[in-house]
Amino acid sequence: MRSKKMGLRVEVECDEIPYRPGEDGITMECTCPRCGISHRMKLLWAGRGRPKKFCQPCKTYIGTLETVELPCIPANVSRGVG
């Protein structure tokens, strides 16, 4: 850690966080919103809790679905009430 005001460099050891093999600090444990399985994905996450990202099989499946355009019905909207 470096203090900007004093220009000092202080070495800090962190024994509270256990090291897991294969964890490089860039990957994040995610949950797939479609199938619900948990998987690891490379992303920057600053939110709370576990992010919801599609796993690769679900992402491939969703990509093969055709898009359907809904019919547009013009609506008469007035600002007056009653």
PDB file of N, CA and C in Angstrom:
ATOM      1  N   MET A   1       0.858  -1.167   0.000  1.00  0.00           N
ATOM      2  CA  MET A   1       0.000   0.000   0.000  1.00  0.00           C
ATOM      3  C   MET A   1       0.899   1.223   0.000  1.00  0.00           C
ATOM      4  N   ARG A   2       0.486   2.254  -0.693  1.00  0.00           N
ATOM      5  CA  ARG A   2       1.319   3.437  -0.806  1.00  0.00           C
ATOM      6  C   ARG A   2       0.544   4.665  -0.327  1.00  0.00           C
ATOM      7  N   SER A   3       1.178   5.458   0.480  1.00  0.00           N
ATOM      8  CA  SER A   3       0.589   6.702   0.945  1.00  0.00           C
ATOM      9  C   SER A   3       1.011   7.812  -0.002  1.00  0.00           C
ATOM     10  N   LYS A   4       0.056   8.522  -0.594  1.00  0.00           N
ATOM     11  CA  LYS A   4       0.378   9.561  -1.575  1.00  0.00           C
ATOM     12  C   LYS A   4       0.986  10.795  -0.913  1.00  0.00           C
ATOM     13  N   LYS A   5       0.554  11.104   0.300  1.00  0.00           N
ATOM     14  CA  LYS A   5       1.039  12.308   0.948  1.00  0.00           C
ATOM     15  C   LYS A   5       2.511  12.197   1.339  1.00  0.00           C
ATOM     16  N   MET A   6       2.906  11.080   1.933  1.00  0.00           N
ATOM     17  CA  MET A   6       4.254  10.937   2.446  1.00  0.00           C
ATOM     18  C   MET A   6       5.189  10.250   1.467  1.00  0.00           C
ATOM     19  N   GLY A   7       4.643   9.565   0.483  1.00  0.00           N
ATOM     20  CA  GLY A   7       5.484   8.856  -0.470  1.00  0.00           C
ATOM     21  C   GLY A   7       6.128   7.618   0.131  1.00  0.00           C
ATOM     22  N   LEU A   8       5.543   7.066   1.173  1.00  0.00           N
ATOM     23  CA  LEU A   8       6.090   5.894   1.838  1.00  0.00           C
ATOM     24  C   LEU A   8       5.468   4.634   1.259  1.00  0.00           C
ATOM     25  N   ARG A   9       6.231   3.575   1.286  1.00  0.00           N
ATOM     26  CA  ARG A   9       5.714   2.282   0.843  1.00  0.00           C
ATOM     27  C   ARG A   9       5.685   1.359   2.053  1.00  0.00           C
ATOM     28  N   VAL A  10       4.530   0.803   2.332  1.00  0.00           N
ATOM     29  CA  VAL A  10       4.345  -0.054   3.492  1.00  0.00           C
ATOM     30  C   VAL A  10       3.924  -1.432   2.992  1.00  0.00           C
ATOM     31  N   GLU A  11       4.631  -2.455   3.412  1.00  0.00           N
ATOM     32  CA  GLU A  11       4.282  -3.825   3.044  1.00  0.00           C
ATOM     33  C   GLU A  11       3.192  -4.327   3.981  1.00  0.00           C
ATOM     34  N   VAL A  12       2.165  -4.895   3.403  1.00  0.00           N
ATOM     35  CA  VAL A  12       1.040  -5.388   4.185  1.00  0.00           C
ATOM     36  C   VAL A  12       0.841  -6.859   3.857  1.00  0.00           C
ATOM     37  N   GLU A  13       0.786  -7.674   4.899  1.00  0.00           N
ATOM     38  CA  GLU A  13       0.491  -9.087   4.713  1.00  0.00           C
ATOM     39  C   GLU A  13      -0.961  -9.329   5.078  1.00  0.00           C
ATOM     40  N   CYS A  14      -1.620 -10.125   4.260  1.00  0.00           N
ATOM     41  CA  CYS A  14      -3.036 -10.399   4.485  1.00  0.00           C
ATOM     42  C   CYS A  14      -3.206 -11.901   4.626  1.00  0.00           C
ATOM     43  N   ASP A  15      -3.373 -12.364   5.853  1.00  0.00           N
ATOM     44  CA  ASP A  15      -3.544 -13.783   6.111  1.00  0.00           C
ATOM     45  C   ASP A  15      -5.023 -14.173   6.243  1.00  0.00           C
ATOM     46  N   GLU A  16      -5.934 -13.181   6.229  1.00  0.00           N
ATOM     47  CA  GLU A  16      -7.338 -13.486   6.440  1.00  0.00           C
ATOM     48  C   GLU A  16      -7.972 -14.164   5.226  1.00  0.00           C
ATOM     49  N   ILE A  17      -7.534 -13.823   4.016  1.00  0.00           N
ATOM     50  CA  ILE A  17      -8.143 -14.361   2.805  1.00  0.00           C
ATOM     51  C   ILE A  17      -7.387 -15.612   2.379  1.00  0.00           C
ATOM     52  N   PRO A  18      -8.047 -16.777   2.384  1.00  0.00           N
ATOM     53  CA  PRO A  18      -7.354 -18.004   1.965  1.00  0.00           C
ATOM     54  C   PRO A  18      -7.150 -18.028   0.448  1.00  0.00           C
ATOM     55  N   TYR A  19      -6.029 -18.577   0.028  1.00  0.00           N
ATOM     56  CA  TYR A  19      -5.726 -18.693  -1.398  1.00  0.00           C
ATOM     57  C   TYR A  19      -6.362 -19.960  -1.945  1.00  0.00           C
ATOM     58  N   ARG A  20      -7.061 -19.838  -3.035  1.00  0.00           N
ATOM     59  CA  ARG A  20      -7.646 -20.992  -3.717  1.00  0.00           C
ATOM     60  C   ARG A  20      -6.894 -21.205  -5.015  1.00  0.00           C
ATOM     61  N   PRO A  21      -6.424 -22.419  -5.290  1.00  0.00           N
ATOM     62  CA  PRO A  21      -5.703 -22.668  -6.538  1.00  0.00           C
ATOM     63  C   PRO A  21      -6.596 -22.409  -7.746  1.00  0.00           C
ATOM     64  N   GLY A  22      -6.025 -21.770  -8.751  1.00  0.00           N
ATOM     65  CA  GLY A  22      -6.764 -21.464  -9.965  1.00  0.00           C
ATOM     66  C   GLY A  22      -7.509 -20.146  -9.896  1.00  0.00           C
ATOM     67  N   GLU A  23      -7.472 -19.484  -8.760  1.00  0.00           N
ATOM     68  CA  GLU A  23      -8.159 -18.202  -8.629  1.00  0.00           C
ATOM     69  C   GLU A  23      -7.141 -17.101  -8.853  1.00  0.00           C
ATOM     70  N   ASP A  24      -7.334 -16.322  -9.896  1.00  0.00           N
ATOM     71  CA  ASP A  24      -6.348 -15.300 -10.228  1.00  0.00           C
ATOM     72  C   ASP A  24      -6.802 -13.900  -9.845  1.00  0.00           C
ATOM     73  N   GLY A  25      -7.945 -13.749  -9.222  1.00  0.00           N
ATOM     74  CA  GLY A  25      -8.405 -12.444  -8.796  1.00  0.00           C
ATOM     75  C   GLY A  25      -9.216 -11.717  -9.846  1.00  0.00           C
ATOM     76  N   ILE A  26      -9.215 -12.199 -11.081  1.00  0.00           N
ATOM     77  CA  ILE A  26      -9.976 -11.557 -12.144  1.00  0.00           C
ATOM     78  C   ILE A  26     -11.314 -12.260 -12.334  1.00  0.00           C
ATOM     79  N   THR A  27     -11.366 -13.557 -12.068  1.00  0.00           N
ATOM     80  CA  THR A  27     -12.601 -14.292 -12.264  1.00  0.00           C
ATOM     81  C   THR A  27     -13.524 -14.117 -11.064  1.00  0.00           C
ATOM     82  N   MET A  28     -14.823 -14.234 -11.325  1.00  0.00           N
ATOM     83  CA  MET A  28     -15.833 -14.028 -10.288  1.00  0.00           C
ATOM     84  C   MET A  28     -16.825 -15.167 -10.338  1.00  0.00           C
ATOM     85  N   GLU A  29     -17.268 -15.616  -9.193  1.00  0.00           N
ATOM     86  CA  GLU A  29     -18.288 -16.665  -9.122  1.00  0.00           C
ATOM     87  C   GLU A  29     -19.632 -16.048  -9.504  1.00  0.00           C
ATOM     88  N   CYS A  30     -20.276 -16.586 -10.552  1.00  0.00           N
ATOM     89  CA  CYS A  30     -21.536 -16.059 -11.072  1.00  0.00           C
ATOM     90  C   CYS A  30     -22.625 -17.123 -10.998  1.00  0.00           C
ATOM     91  N   THR A  31     -23.872 -16.689 -11.096  1.00  0.00           N
ATOM     92  CA  THR A  31     -25.011 -17.583 -11.155  1.00  0.00           C
ATOM     93  C   THR A  31     -25.745 -17.336 -12.463  1.00  0.00           C
ATOM     94  N   CYS A  32     -26.100 -18.416 -13.170  1.00  0.00           N
ATOM     95  CA  CYS A  32     -26.829 -18.302 -14.428  1.00  0.00           C
ATOM     96  C   CYS A  32     -28.304 -18.054 -14.120  1.00  0.00           C
ATOM     97  N   PRO A  33     -28.902 -16.992 -14.678  1.00  0.00           N
ATOM     98  CA  PRO A  33     -30.306 -16.730 -14.388  1.00  0.00           C
ATOM     99  C   PRO A  33     -31.262 -17.719 -15.057  1.00  0.00           C
ATOM    100  N   ARG A  34     -30.807 -18.441 -16.086  1.00  0.00           N
ATOM    101  CA  ARG A  34     -31.684 -19.383 -16.785  1.00  0.00           C
ATOM    102  C   ARG A  34     -31.699 -20.745 -16.110  1.00  0.00           C
ATOM    103  N   CYS A  35     -30.514 -21.337 -15.886  1.00  0.00           N
ATOM    104  CA  CYS A  35     -30.467 -22.697 -15.343  1.00  0.00           C
ATOM    105  C   CYS A  35     -30.108 -22.736 -13.856  1.00  0.00           C
ATOM    106  N   GLY A  36     -29.558 -21.651 -13.303  1.00  0.00           N
ATOM    107  CA  GLY A  36     -29.296 -21.575 -11.873  1.00  0.00           C
ATOM    108  C   GLY A  36     -27.978 -22.170 -11.408  1.00  0.00           C
ATOM    109  N   ILE A  37     -27.132 -22.669 -12.332  1.00  0.00           N
ATOM    110  CA  ILE A  37     -25.848 -23.228 -11.901  1.00  0.00           C
ATOM    111  C   ILE A  37     -24.859 -22.100 -11.626  1.00  0.00           C
ATOM    112  N   SER A  38     -23.877 -22.373 -10.790  1.00  0.00           N
ATOM    113  CA  SER A  38     -22.839 -21.385 -10.523  1.00  0.00           C
ATOM    114  C   SER A  38     -21.609 -21.732 -11.353  1.00  0.00           C
ATOM    115  N   HIS A  39     -20.973 -20.695 -11.885  1.00  0.00           N
ATOM    116  CA  HIS A  39     -19.798 -20.860 -12.736  1.00  0.00           C
ATOM    117  C   HIS A  39     -18.889 -19.654 -12.531  1.00  0.00           C
ATOM    118  N   ARG A  40     -17.653 -19.746 -12.994  1.00  0.00           N
ATOM    119  CA  ARG A  40     -16.695 -18.653 -12.864  1.00  0.00           C
ATOM    120  C   ARG A  40     -16.569 -17.947 -14.197  1.00  0.00           C
ATOM    121  N   MET A  41     -16.465 -16.626 -14.150  1.00  0.00           N
ATOM    122  CA  MET A  41     -16.411 -15.828 -15.356  1.00  0.00           C
ATOM    123  C   MET A  41     -15.474 -14.646 -15.134  1.00  0.00           C
ATOM    124  N   LYS A  42     -14.746 -14.242 -16.173  1.00  0.00           N
ATOM    125  CA  LYS A  42     -13.870 -13.082 -16.058  1.00  0.00           C
ATOM    126  C   LYS A  42     -14.689 -11.812 -16.209  1.00  0.00           C
ATOM    127  N   LEU A  43     -14.769 -11.035 -15.135  1.00  0.00           N
ATOM    128  CA  LEU A  43     -15.452  -9.750 -15.190  1.00  0.00           C
ATOM    129  C   LEU A  43     -15.070  -8.913 -13.988  1.00  0.00           C
ATOM    130  N   LEU A  44     -15.227  -7.617 -14.137  1.00  0.00           N
ATOM    131  CA  LEU A  44     -15.015  -6.702 -13.024  1.00  0.00           C
ATOM    132  C   LEU A  44     -16.365  -6.468 -12.370  1.00  0.00           C
ATOM    133  N   TRP A  45     -16.474  -6.725 -11.100  1.00  0.00           N
ATOM    134  CA  TRP A  45     -17.747  -6.635 -10.393  1.00  0.00           C
ATOM    135  C   TRP A  45     -17.576  -5.771  -9.166  1.00  0.00           C
ATOM    136  N   ALA A  46     -18.295  -4.672  -9.120  1.00  0.00           N
ATOM    137  CA  ALA A  46     -18.243  -3.786  -7.964  1.00  0.00           C
ATOM    138  C   ALA A  46     -19.580  -3.751  -7.245  1.00  0.00           C
ATOM    139  N   GLY A  47     -20.496  -4.618  -7.650  1.00  0.00           N
ATOM    140  CA  GLY A  47     -21.823  -4.640  -7.049  1.00  0.00           C
ATOM    141  C   GLY A  47     -21.870  -5.467  -5.780  1.00  0.00           C
ATOM    142  N   ARG A  48     -23.061  -5.633  -5.268  1.00  0.00           N
ATOM    143  CA  ARG A  48     -23.255  -6.421  -4.055  1.00  0.00           C
ATOM    144  C   ARG A  48     -23.695  -7.822  -4.424  1.00  0.00           C
ATOM    145  N   GLY A  49     -23.295  -8.785  -3.636  1.00  0.00           N
ATOM    146  CA  GLY A  49     -23.725 -10.157  -3.844  1.00  0.00           C
ATOM    147  C   GLY A  49     -23.050 -10.828  -5.023  1.00  0.00           C
ATOM    148  N   ARG A  50     -23.693 -11.854  -5.528  1.00  0.00           N
ATOM    149  CA  ARG A  50     -23.155 -12.635  -6.642  1.00  0.00           C
ATOM    150  C   ARG A  50     -23.799 -12.164  -7.943  1.00  0.00           C
ATOM    151  N   PRO A  51     -22.997 -11.869  -8.981  1.00  0.00           N
ATOM    152  CA  PRO A  51     -23.577 -11.402 -10.242  1.00  0.00           C
ATOM    153  C   PRO A  51     -24.327 -12.508 -10.970  1.00  0.00           C
ATOM    154  N   LYS A  52     -25.334 -12.131 -11.737  1.00  0.00           N
ATOM    155  CA  LYS A  52     -26.113 -13.078 -12.535  1.00  0.00           C
ATOM    156  C   LYS A  52     -25.715 -12.904 -13.993  1.00  0.00           C
ATOM    157  N   LYS A  53     -24.953 -13.877 -14.489  1.00  0.00           N
ATOM    158  CA  LYS A  53     -24.494 -13.886 -15.879  1.00  0.00           C
ATOM    159  C   LYS A  53     -24.830 -15.243 -16.470  1.00  0.00           C
ATOM    160  N   PHE A  54     -25.193 -15.260 -17.764  1.00  0.00           N
ATOM    161  CA  PHE A  54     -25.511 -16.519 -18.423  1.00  0.00           C
ATOM    162  C   PHE A  54     -24.256 -17.367 -18.591  1.00  0.00           C
ATOM    163  N   CYS A  55     -24.390 -18.676 -18.356  1.00  0.00           N
ATOM    164  CA  CYS A  55     -23.286 -19.602 -18.602  1.00  0.00           C
ATOM    165  C   CYS A  55     -23.171 -19.812 -20.117  1.00  0.00           C
ATOM    166  N   GLN A  56     -22.075 -20.412 -20.564  1.00  0.00           N
ATOM    167  CA  GLN A  56     -21.825 -20.543 -21.992  1.00  0.00           C
ATOM    168  C   GLN A  56     -22.883 -21.374 -22.721  1.00  0.00           C
ATOM    169  N   PRO A  57     -23.346 -22.536 -22.191  1.00  0.00           N
ATOM    170  CA  PRO A  57     -24.405 -23.271 -22.901  1.00  0.00           C
ATOM    171  C   PRO A  57     -25.704 -22.469 -23.031  1.00  0.00           C
ATOM    172  N   CYS A  58     -26.100 -21.747 -21.984  1.00  0.00           N
ATOM    173  CA  CYS A  58     -27.327 -20.945 -22.042  1.00  0.00           C
ATOM    174  C   CYS A  58     -27.150 -19.758 -22.974  1.00  0.00           C
ATOM    175  N   LYS A  59     -25.948 -19.164 -22.986  1.00  0.00           N
ATOM    176  CA  LYS A  59     -25.674 -18.044 -23.868  1.00  0.00           C
ATOM    177  C   LYS A  59     -25.767 -18.485 -25.333  1.00  0.00           C
ATOM    178  N   THR A  60     -25.257 -19.691 -25.636  1.00  0.00           N
ATOM    179  CA  THR A  60     -25.337 -20.228 -26.989  1.00  0.00           C
ATOM    180  C   THR A  60     -26.788 -20.509 -27.360  1.00  0.00           C
ATOM    181  N   TYR A  61     -27.555 -21.075 -26.433  1.00  0.00           N
ATOM    182  CA  TYR A  61     -28.959 -21.383 -26.692  1.00  0.00           C
ATOM    183  C   TYR A  61     -29.764 -20.109 -26.950  1.00  0.00           C
ATOM    184  N   ILE A  62     -29.573 -19.106 -26.147  1.00  0.00           N
ATOM    185  CA  ILE A  62     -30.313 -17.853 -26.293  1.00  0.00           C
ATOM    186  C   ILE A  62     -29.943 -17.165 -27.605  1.00  0.00           C
ATOM    187  N   GLY A  63     -28.691 -17.305 -28.030  1.00  0.00           N
ATOM    188  CA  GLY A  63     -28.255 -16.714 -29.288  1.00  0.00           C
ATOM    189  C   GLY A  63     -28.892 -17.354 -30.504  1.00  0.00           C
ATOM    190  N   THR A  64     -29.340 -18.609 -30.387  1.00  0.00           N
ATOM    191  CA  THR A  64     -29.963 -19.287 -31.519  1.00  0.00           C
ATOM    192  C   THR A  64     -31.456 -19.001 -31.633  1.00  0.00           C
ATOM    193  N   LEU A  65     -32.061 -18.414 -30.610  1.00  0.00           N
ATOM    194  CA  LEU A  65     -33.484 -18.104 -30.661  1.00  0.00           C
ATOM    195  C   LEU A  65     -33.748 -16.961 -31.629  1.00  0.00           C
ATOM    196  N   GLU A  66     -34.863 -17.045 -32.332  1.00  0.00           N
ATOM    197  CA  GLU A  66     -35.237 -15.986 -33.253  1.00  0.00           C
ATOM    198  C   GLU A  66     -35.944 -14.875 -32.492  1.00  0.00           C
ATOM    199  N   THR A  67     -35.716 -13.656 -32.937  1.00  0.00           N
ATOM    200  CA  THR A  67     -36.398 -12.535 -32.302  1.00  0.00           C
ATOM    201  C   THR A  67     -37.774 -12.374 -32.941  1.00  0.00           C
ATOM    202  N   VAL A  68     -38.752 -12.086 -32.148  1.00  0.00           N
ATOM    203  CA  VAL A  68     -40.115 -11.896 -32.624  1.00  0.00           C
ATOM    204  C   VAL A  68     -40.500 -10.454 -32.352  1.00  0.00           C
ATOM    205  N   GLU A  69     -40.946  -9.779 -33.403  1.00  0.00           N
ATOM    206  CA  GLU A  69     -41.376  -8.399 -33.230  1.00  0.00           C
ATOM    207  C   GLU A  69     -42.848  -8.383 -32.855  1.00  0.00           C
ATOM    208  N   LEU A  70     -43.161  -7.658 -31.810  1.00  0.00           N
ATOM    209  CA  LEU A  70     -44.537  -7.532 -31.371  1.00  0.00           C
ATOM    210  C   LEU A  70     -45.232  -6.470 -32.216  1.00  0.00           C
ATOM    211  N   PRO A  71     -46.514  -6.672 -32.517  1.00  0.00           N
ATOM    212  CA  PRO A  71     -47.226  -5.660 -33.314  1.00  0.00           C
ATOM    213  C   PRO A  71     -47.372  -4.366 -32.526  1.00  0.00           C
ATOM    214  N   CYS A  72     -47.188  -3.267 -33.222  1.00  0.00           N
ATOM    215  CA  CYS A  72     -47.310  -1.958 -32.591  1.00  0.00           C
ATOM    216  C   CYS A  72     -48.712  -1.428 -32.827  1.00  0.00           C
ATOM    217  N   ILE A  73     -49.414  -1.143 -31.779  1.00  0.00           N
ATOM    218  CA  ILE A  73     -50.766  -0.594 -31.866  1.00  0.00           C
ATOM    219  C   ILE A  73     -50.699   0.844 -31.379  1.00  0.00           C
ATOM    220  N   PRO A  74     -51.077   1.787 -32.255  1.00  0.00           N
ATOM    221  CA  PRO A  74     -51.028   3.178 -31.805  1.00  0.00           C
ATOM    222  C   PRO A  74     -52.057   3.421 -30.694  1.00  0.00           C
ATOM    223  N   ALA A  75     -51.656   4.164 -29.710  1.00  0.00           N
ATOM    224  CA  ALA A  75     -52.532   4.447 -28.579  1.00  0.00           C
ATOM    225  C   ALA A  75     -52.840   5.930 -28.539  1.00  0.00           C
ATOM    226  N   ASN A  76     -54.078   6.246 -28.203  1.00  0.00           N
ATOM    227  CA  ASN A  76     -54.483   7.621 -28.059  1.00  0.00           C
ATOM    228  C   ASN A  76     -54.300   8.018 -26.591  1.00  0.00           C
ATOM    229  N   VAL A  77     -53.330   8.839 -26.321  1.00  0.00           N
ATOM    230  CA  VAL A  77     -53.011   9.214 -24.953  1.00  0.00           C
ATOM    231  C   VAL A  77     -53.347  10.696 -24.772  1.00  0.00           C
ATOM    232  N   SER A  78     -54.151  10.970 -23.797  1.00  0.00           N
ATOM    233  CA  SER A  78     -54.477  12.381 -23.507  1.00  0.00           C
ATOM    234  C   SER A  78     -53.992  12.707 -22.095  1.00  0.00           C
ATOM    235  N   ARG A  79     -53.630  13.937 -21.906  1.00  0.00           N
ATOM    236  CA  ARG A  79     -53.100  14.334 -20.596  1.00  0.00           C
ATOM    237  C   ARG A  79     -54.216  14.676 -19.615  1.00  0.00           C
ATOM    238  N   GLY A  80     -55.368  14.934 -20.101  1.00  0.00           N
ATOM    239  CA  GLY A  80     -56.489  15.278 -19.223  1.00  0.00           C
ATOM    240  C   GLY A  80     -57.032  14.041 -18.520  1.00  0.00           C
ATOM    241  N   VAL A  81     -57.399  14.211 -17.268  1.00  0.00           N
ATOM    242  CA  VAL A  81     -57.941  13.092 -16.504  1.00  0.00           C
ATOM    243  C   VAL A  81     -59.449  13.302 -16.387  1.00  0.00           C
ATOM    244  N   GLY A  82     -60.200  12.286 -16.787  1.00  0.00           N
ATOM    245  CA  GLY A  82     -61.649  12.273 -16.604  1.00  0.00           C
ATOM    246  C   GLY A  82     -62.329  13.117 -17.552  1.00  0.00           C
TER     247      GLY A  82
END
